[in-house]
Amino acid sequence: MKALVYLGPRRMELQDVPDPTPEPGDVRVRVRATAICGSDLHGFREASPRRVPPLVMGHEVVGDVDEIGDDADPALEGSRVVAMPVVVCGTCARCLEGRSNLCPHRRLMGMSFPGAFAEAFTIPATQVLEVPDALADEPGSLAEPLANAIHSIERSVSPGDAVLVIGAGPIGLFAARMAVLDGAVRTFVVDKLADRLSLVAALGAEPLAAEGAADAIAEATSGAGVDVVIDAVGLPSTWELGLSAVRFGGRIEAIGLGALEGSLAYQSLITKGVTVVGSYACLPADFERALHLLVSGDVDVGPWITCLPLAEGQTAFESLVDDGAYTKVVLVP
């Protein structure tokens, strides 16, 4: 089969690789569509100890189950599914308390084992969910990033809150839409790219240019600040903006990981009594709600998606890293 193989920083190559065979408890999925995630871009852009080449990345995927391993549910064969890419142990304290996304033994598809930038992949049968017939492949492949945004917004945003989302990439756009759906009275979205900001109003949110954003938030909130900040970028400059824009006693949800480390304004954090929560991945219930919202049309991703063949993966990655011409690229075998 064909697979897009990561060979090192800024190097992808379409290669012939063996078809995967499902182990006991696994299923094999024939890929219909795989979206490129921001974490894939991080791996492509720079050497990372978390993504060791040669590696097939990709975890935002829709496909058909075409082979069942021993001990897996045979009823899954022929199903069109999305993959829940974080594979957990199911027995540790975090798993047992219902926070399996924080399992210390978790493995991520496309990082810990081969992913979905290929014609097929294998994954435990417990990690697939059937896709409703009414949902097309390409928007369905975005169920995973939408589920991540749902996971963060449901626990942080209450009706009547004012929310600032930093970053109008896919996760930020999803977070903005979920904040609106979950009752935020005002939702602001800040970004440097005008093309990305042009998508914000259709979500029911308010676009803000990056330059002067802190002053704009102060003016819009009469100096009080927003109740919740969703940082979908994760750079020192966005942490600075978040701590400036959040109200006393407010909350910051840190989703983006644009930098592995950086400085932090301790005085603002402490004297404003800010709660900062890291947000990683999602839970099965978040996936289920994501699929429902995509089917209902309450979340419309059509204007964001550019479909390209898997063979053009190198070009797609380069464009996403270098010029921001695309909002979301979905690769099709």
Protein backbone atom coordinates (compact mmCIF):
# COMPACT_ATOMS: atom_id res chain seq x y z
CA MET A 1 0.00 0.00 0.00
CA LYS A 2 1.00 3.67 -0.26
CA ALA A 3 1.90 5.67 2.83
CA LEU A 4 3.17 9.20 3.41
CA VAL A 5 6.28 8.64 5.51
CA TYR A 6 7.90 11.31 7.69
CA LEU A 7 11.69 11.04 7.20
CA GLY A 8 12.86 14.02 9.25
CA PRO A 9 12.29 17.77 9.55
CA ARG A 10 10.39 19.03 6.48
CA ARG A 11 10.72 15.70 4.65
CA MET A 12 7.73 13.57 3.68
CA GLU A 13 7.82 10.86 1.01
CA LEU A 14 5.12 8.67 -0.52
CA GLN A 15 6.39 5.12 -0.17
CA ASP A 16 5.25 1.55 -0.76
CA VAL A 17 4.90 -0.19 2.61
CA PRO A 18 3.38 -3.54 3.62
CA ASP A 19 -0.34 -3.70 4.30
CA PRO A 20 -0.88 -3.80 8.08
CA THR A 21 -2.36 -6.94 9.63
CA PRO A 22 -4.59 -6.53 12.69
CA GLU A 23 -3.35 -8.04 15.93
CA PRO A 24 -5.81 -9.71 18.33
CA GLY A 25 -8.31 -7.10 19.45
CA ASP A 26 -7.49 -4.78 16.52
CA VAL A 27 -9.27 -3.80 13.35
CA ARG A 28 -7.81 -2.67 10.05
CA VAL A 29 -9.28 0.47 8.54
CA ARG A 30 -9.10 1.43 4.86
CA VAL A 31 -8.66 5.19 4.82
CA ARG A 32 -11.15 7.47 3.09
CA ALA A 33 -9.86 10.84 4.38
CA THR A 34 -7.25 12.05 6.88
CA ALA A 35 -6.93 15.66 8.05
CA ILE A 36 -3.61 17.28 8.93
CA CYS A 37 -3.43 18.27 12.62
CA GLY A 38 -1.35 21.07 14.10
CA SER A 39 0.62 18.48 16.05
CA ASP A 40 1.52 16.79 12.76
CA LEU A 41 2.82 20.15 11.57
CA HIS A 42 4.98 20.49 14.69
CA GLY A 43 6.55 17.13 13.93
CA PHE A 44 7.08 18.03 10.28
CA ARG A 45 8.58 21.43 11.02
CA GLU A 46 11.25 20.43 13.51
CA ALA A 47 12.93 17.38 14.96
CA SER A 48 10.93 16.04 17.90
CA PRO A 49 11.83 13.23 20.28
CA ARG A 50 8.10 12.35 20.31
CA ARG A 51 7.94 11.60 16.58
CA VAL A 52 10.82 9.39 15.50
CA PRO A 53 11.32 8.89 11.73
CA PRO A 54 10.56 6.92 9.68
CA LEU A 55 6.97 7.39 10.82
CA VAL A 56 3.49 7.49 9.30
CA MET A 57 1.71 10.31 11.10
CA GLY A 58 -1.98 11.22 10.96
CA HIS A 59 -4.81 10.63 13.44
CA GLU A 60 -7.85 12.67 12.25
CA VAL A 61 -9.40 10.04 10.01
CA VAL A 62 -12.48 8.42 8.50
CA GLY A 63 -12.29 4.97 6.90
CA ASP A 64 -13.88 1.55 6.47
CA VAL A 65 -13.16 -1.43 8.69
CA ASP A 66 -12.10 -4.14 6.24
CA GLU A 67 -10.45 -6.76 8.46
CA ILE A 68 -11.08 -7.89 12.03
CA GLY A 69 -8.42 -9.32 14.34
CA ASP A 70 -9.09 -12.18 16.72
CA ASP A 71 -11.15 -11.16 19.77
CA ALA A 72 -12.48 -8.01 18.08
CA ASP A 73 -16.20 -7.51 17.43
CA PRO A 74 -16.95 -9.04 13.99
CA ALA A 75 -19.96 -6.73 13.64
CA LEU A 76 -17.54 -3.87 12.96
CA GLU A 77 -16.48 -5.27 9.60
CA GLY A 78 -17.70 -3.01 6.80
CA SER A 79 -18.44 -0.10 9.15
CA ARG A 80 -17.41 3.45 8.27
CA VAL A 81 -15.65 4.79 11.34
CA VAL A 82 -13.62 7.54 12.92
CA ALA A 83 -10.62 6.62 15.06
CA MET A 84 -10.24 7.78 18.65
CA PRO A 85 -6.46 8.03 18.44
CA VAL A 86 -5.42 8.08 22.11
CA VAL A 87 -5.08 4.44 23.21
CA VAL A 88 -5.12 4.02 26.99
CA CYS A 89 -4.55 1.23 29.50
CA GLY A 90 -8.04 1.29 31.04
CA THR A 91 -6.80 0.21 34.47
CA CYS A 92 -4.84 3.13 35.97
CA ALA A 93 -6.27 5.66 38.42
CA ARG A 94 -6.92 8.26 35.72
CA CYS A 95 -8.72 5.78 33.49
CA LEU A 96 -10.84 4.47 36.36
CA GLU A 97 -11.90 7.96 37.42
CA GLY A 98 -13.15 8.75 33.92
CA ARG A 99 -10.20 10.83 32.71
CA SER A 100 -8.64 8.32 30.37
CA ASN A 101 -7.22 11.11 28.17
CA LEU A 102 -4.72 11.66 31.00
CA CYS A 103 -3.64 8.01 31.22
CA PRO A 104 0.13 8.01 31.89
CA HIS A 105 0.45 4.92 29.71
CA ARG A 106 -1.41 6.38 26.72
CA ARG A 107 -0.24 5.90 23.16
CA LEU A 108 -1.09 8.22 20.29
CA MET A 109 -1.78 6.96 16.81
CA GLY A 110 0.60 8.56 14.33
CA MET A 111 3.24 9.03 17.00
CA SER A 112 3.51 5.88 19.13
CA PHE A 113 2.38 3.60 16.30
CA PRO A 114 1.71 4.10 12.56
CA GLY A 115 -1.06 6.50 11.69
CA ALA A 116 -3.50 7.32 8.93
CA PHE A 117 -1.51 9.16 6.24
CA ALA A 118 -1.71 5.87 4.40
CA GLU A 119 -4.16 3.66 2.57
CA ALA A 120 -4.80 1.64 5.74
CA PHE A 121 -3.92 1.42 9.44
CA THR A 122 -4.67 -0.80 12.43
CA ILE A 123 -6.00 0.24 15.84
CA PRO A 124 -7.73 -1.48 18.78
CA ALA A 125 -11.38 -2.11 17.98
CA THR A 126 -12.36 -0.21 21.12
CA GLN A 127 -10.97 2.96 19.49
CA VAL A 128 -13.40 3.26 16.57
CA LEU A 129 -16.84 4.89 16.41
CA GLU A 130 -19.29 4.48 13.56
CA VAL A 131 -19.89 7.55 11.40
CA PRO A 132 -23.53 8.49 10.70
CA ASP A 133 -24.53 7.98 7.07
CA ALA A 134 -25.47 11.65 6.77
CA LEU A 135 -21.90 12.82 7.45
CA ALA A 136 -19.47 12.99 4.52
CA ASP A 137 -15.92 11.69 4.86
CA GLU A 138 -14.05 15.01 4.76
CA PRO A 139 -15.98 16.84 7.50
CA GLY A 140 -16.14 13.58 9.43
CA SER A 141 -12.35 13.52 9.60
CA LEU A 142 -12.55 16.69 11.70
CA ALA A 143 -14.51 14.99 14.49
CA GLU A 144 -11.33 14.51 16.53
CA PRO A 145 -10.21 18.16 16.70
CA LEU A 146 -13.82 19.23 17.32
CA ALA A 147 -13.98 16.73 20.19
CA ASN A 148 -10.83 18.27 21.66
CA ALA A 149 -12.46 21.72 21.62
CA ILE A 150 -15.64 20.31 23.14
CA HIS A 151 -13.63 18.75 25.96
CA SER A 152 -12.13 22.12 26.86
CA ILE A 153 -15.19 24.33 26.39
CA GLU A 154 -17.70 22.14 28.23
CA ARG A 155 -15.71 22.28 31.44
CA SER A 156 -14.72 25.95 31.27
CA VAL A 157 -17.47 28.07 29.69
CA SER A 158 -20.78 28.84 31.41
CA PRO A 159 -23.79 30.68 29.97
CA GLY A 160 -23.22 34.42 30.13
CA ASP A 161 -19.41 34.21 30.06
CA ALA A 162 -17.22 36.45 27.96
CA VAL A 163 -14.61 34.34 26.17
CA LEU A 164 -11.40 35.11 24.31
CA VAL A 165 -10.05 32.50 21.92
CA ILE A 166 -6.44 33.08 20.88
CA GLY A 167 -5.74 31.59 17.46
CA ALA A 168 -8.13 31.10 14.55
CA GLY A 169 -6.73 27.80 13.38
CA PRO A 170 -9.10 24.82 13.35
CA ILE A 171 -8.97 24.20 17.12
CA GLY A 172 -9.50 27.88 17.85
CA LEU A 173 -12.39 28.12 15.39
CA PHE A 174 -13.97 25.02 16.90
CA ALA A 175 -13.51 26.43 20.40
CA ALA A 176 -15.14 29.71 19.37
CA ARG A 177 -18.15 27.94 17.89
CA MET A 178 -18.52 25.71 20.96
CA ALA A 179 -18.33 28.73 23.27
CA VAL A 180 -21.18 30.33 21.32
CA LEU A 181 -23.23 27.13 21.36
CA ASP A 182 -22.65 26.69 25.10
CA GLY A 183 -23.98 30.14 25.93
CA ALA A 184 -21.09 32.60 25.97
CA VAL A 185 -22.51 36.12 25.81
CA ARG A 186 -19.55 37.36 23.77
CA THR A 187 -16.79 35.36 22.12
CA PHE A 188 -13.74 37.14 20.73
CA VAL A 189 -11.21 35.46 18.44
CA VAL A 190 -7.78 36.95 17.82
CA ASP A 191 -5.34 36.04 15.07
CA LYS A 192 -2.67 37.59 12.88
CA LEU A 193 -4.08 36.24 9.62
CA ALA A 194 -6.92 38.16 8.01
CA ASP A 195 -8.07 35.10 6.04
CA ARG A 196 -8.56 33.15 9.24
CA LEU A 197 -10.38 36.02 10.93
CA SER A 198 -12.75 36.23 7.98
CA LEU A 199 -14.22 32.89 9.12
CA VAL A 200 -15.01 34.05 12.64
CA ALA A 201 -18.22 36.04 12.19
CA ALA A 202 -20.02 33.05 10.66
CA LEU A 203 -19.43 31.21 13.95
CA GLY A 204 -21.28 33.88 15.93
CA ALA A 205 -18.03 35.27 17.33
CA GLU A 206 -16.19 38.58 17.00
CA PRO A 207 -12.84 38.80 15.17
CA LEU A 208 -9.96 40.82 16.62
CA ALA A 209 -6.65 41.68 14.98
CA ALA A 210 -3.64 40.56 16.98
CA GLU A 211 -2.17 44.04 17.10
CA GLY A 212 -3.82 45.93 19.93
CA ALA A 213 -5.88 42.93 21.03
CA ALA A 214 -5.26 43.47 24.75
CA ASP A 215 -6.51 47.07 24.53
CA ALA A 216 -9.51 45.99 22.46
CA ILE A 217 -10.50 43.40 25.06
CA ALA A 218 -10.11 45.91 27.87
CA GLU A 219 -12.36 48.36 26.04
CA ALA A 220 -14.97 45.74 25.15
CA THR A 221 -15.21 44.52 28.75
CA SER A 222 -15.01 47.98 30.38
CA GLY A 223 -11.65 47.00 31.83
CA ALA A 224 -12.91 43.88 33.61
CA GLY A 225 -11.42 41.30 31.24
CA VAL A 226 -12.94 38.09 29.93
CA ASP A 227 -14.10 35.22 32.09
CA VAL A 228 -12.33 32.54 30.07
CA VAL A 229 -9.34 32.51 27.73
CA ILE A 230 -8.78 29.61 25.35
CA ASP A 231 -5.16 29.70 24.18
CA ALA A 232 -5.11 27.60 21.01
CA VAL A 233 -1.61 28.79 20.05
CA GLY A 234 0.68 28.35 23.03
CA LEU A 235 3.50 30.83 22.51
CA PRO A 236 5.03 33.23 25.07
CA SER A 237 3.21 36.11 23.36
CA THR A 238 -0.17 34.38 23.60
CA TRP A 239 0.35 33.46 27.25
CA GLU A 240 1.11 37.14 27.85
CA LEU A 241 -2.09 38.19 26.07
CA GLY A 242 -4.15 35.62 27.94
CA LEU A 243 -2.95 36.75 31.35
CA SER A 244 -3.56 40.37 30.37
CA ALA A 245 -7.06 39.75 29.03
CA VAL A 246 -8.46 37.41 31.69
CA ARG A 247 -10.43 38.88 34.57
CA PHE A 248 -9.51 38.57 38.24
CA GLY A 249 -10.45 35.03 39.25
CA GLY A 250 -10.81 33.98 35.61
CA ARG A 251 -9.68 30.86 33.83
CA ILE A 252 -7.20 30.04 31.07
CA GLU A 253 -7.49 26.81 29.10
CA ALA A 254 -4.14 26.01 27.49
CA ILE A 255 -4.68 23.87 24.39
CA GLY A 256 -2.00 25.08 21.97
CA LEU A 257 1.60 23.95 22.25
CA GLY A 258 3.37 26.24 19.82
CA ALA A 259 6.41 26.30 22.10
CA LEU A 260 7.57 23.68 24.58
CA GLU A 261 8.44 26.27 27.22
CA GLY A 262 8.61 30.01 27.81
CA SER A 263 8.41 32.82 30.34
CA LEU A 264 5.31 33.47 32.42
CA ALA A 265 4.12 36.60 34.21
CA TYR A 266 3.94 35.12 37.73
CA GLN A 267 2.70 38.35 39.28
CA SER A 268 -0.34 38.54 37.01
CA LEU A 269 -1.05 34.83 37.50
CA ILE A 270 -0.92 35.04 41.29
CA THR A 271 -2.34 38.48 42.03
CA LYS A 272 -5.29 37.95 39.67
CA GLY A 273 -5.95 34.50 41.12
CA VAL A 274 -6.11 32.92 37.69
CA THR A 275 -6.85 29.23 37.20
CA VAL A 276 -4.75 27.74 34.41
CA VAL A 277 -5.70 24.29 33.11
CA GLY A 278 -3.89 22.25 30.51
CA SER A 279 -6.25 20.65 28.01
CA TYR A 280 -5.17 17.42 26.33
CA ALA A 281 -7.22 15.36 23.88
CA CYS A 282 -10.78 14.29 24.72
CA LEU A 283 -13.10 11.52 25.89
CA PRO A 284 -15.45 9.22 23.95
CA ALA A 285 -18.47 11.34 24.95
CA ASP A 286 -16.78 14.36 23.35
CA PHE A 287 -16.39 12.38 20.11
CA GLU A 288 -20.05 11.44 20.15
CA ARG A 289 -21.13 15.05 20.58
CA ALA A 290 -18.72 16.11 17.81
CA LEU A 291 -20.29 13.68 15.35
CA HIS A 292 -23.77 14.89 16.32
CA LEU A 293 -22.86 18.55 15.80
CA LEU A 294 -21.26 17.87 12.42
CA VAL A 295 -24.31 15.93 11.25
CA SER A 296 -26.78 18.55 12.51
CA GLY A 297 -24.90 21.40 10.83
CA ASP A 298 -24.50 23.31 14.10
CA VAL A 299 -20.80 23.15 13.30
CA ASP A 300 -20.12 23.73 9.59
CA VAL A 301 -16.57 22.97 8.48
CA GLY A 302 -17.20 23.09 4.74
CA PRO A 303 -15.59 26.53 4.19
CA TRP A 304 -12.42 25.46 6.02
CA ILE A 305 -11.54 22.31 4.10
CA THR A 306 -9.16 21.89 1.17
CA CYS A 307 -8.93 18.31 -0.16
CA LEU A 308 -5.68 17.14 -1.71
CA PRO A 309 -4.41 13.71 -2.76
CA LEU A 310 -2.12 11.87 -0.36
CA ALA A 311 0.62 12.07 -3.01
CA GLU A 312 0.70 15.86 -2.52
CA GLY A 313 1.26 15.54 1.22
CA GLN A 314 4.73 17.13 1.20
CA THR A 315 3.40 20.18 -0.62
CA ALA A 316 0.40 20.43 1.71
CA PHE A 317 2.59 20.31 4.82
CA GLU A 318 4.96 22.93 3.42
CA SER A 319 2.10 25.28 2.62
CA LEU A 320 0.51 24.91 6.05
CA VAL A 321 3.83 25.62 7.75
CA ASP A 322 5.09 28.39 5.49
CA ASP A 323 2.25 30.52 4.19
CA GLY A 324 -1.00 29.71 6.01
CA ALA A 325 -2.86 29.53 2.68
CA TYR A 326 -5.07 26.71 3.96
CA THR A 327 -7.22 26.51 7.08
CA LYS A 328 -7.56 22.71 7.10
CA VAL A 329 -6.16 20.21 4.60
CA VAL A 330 -7.71 16.76 4.23
CA LEU A 331 -5.58 14.20 2.40
CA VAL A 332 -7.37 11.54 0.35
CA PRO A 333 -5.62 8.32 -0.77
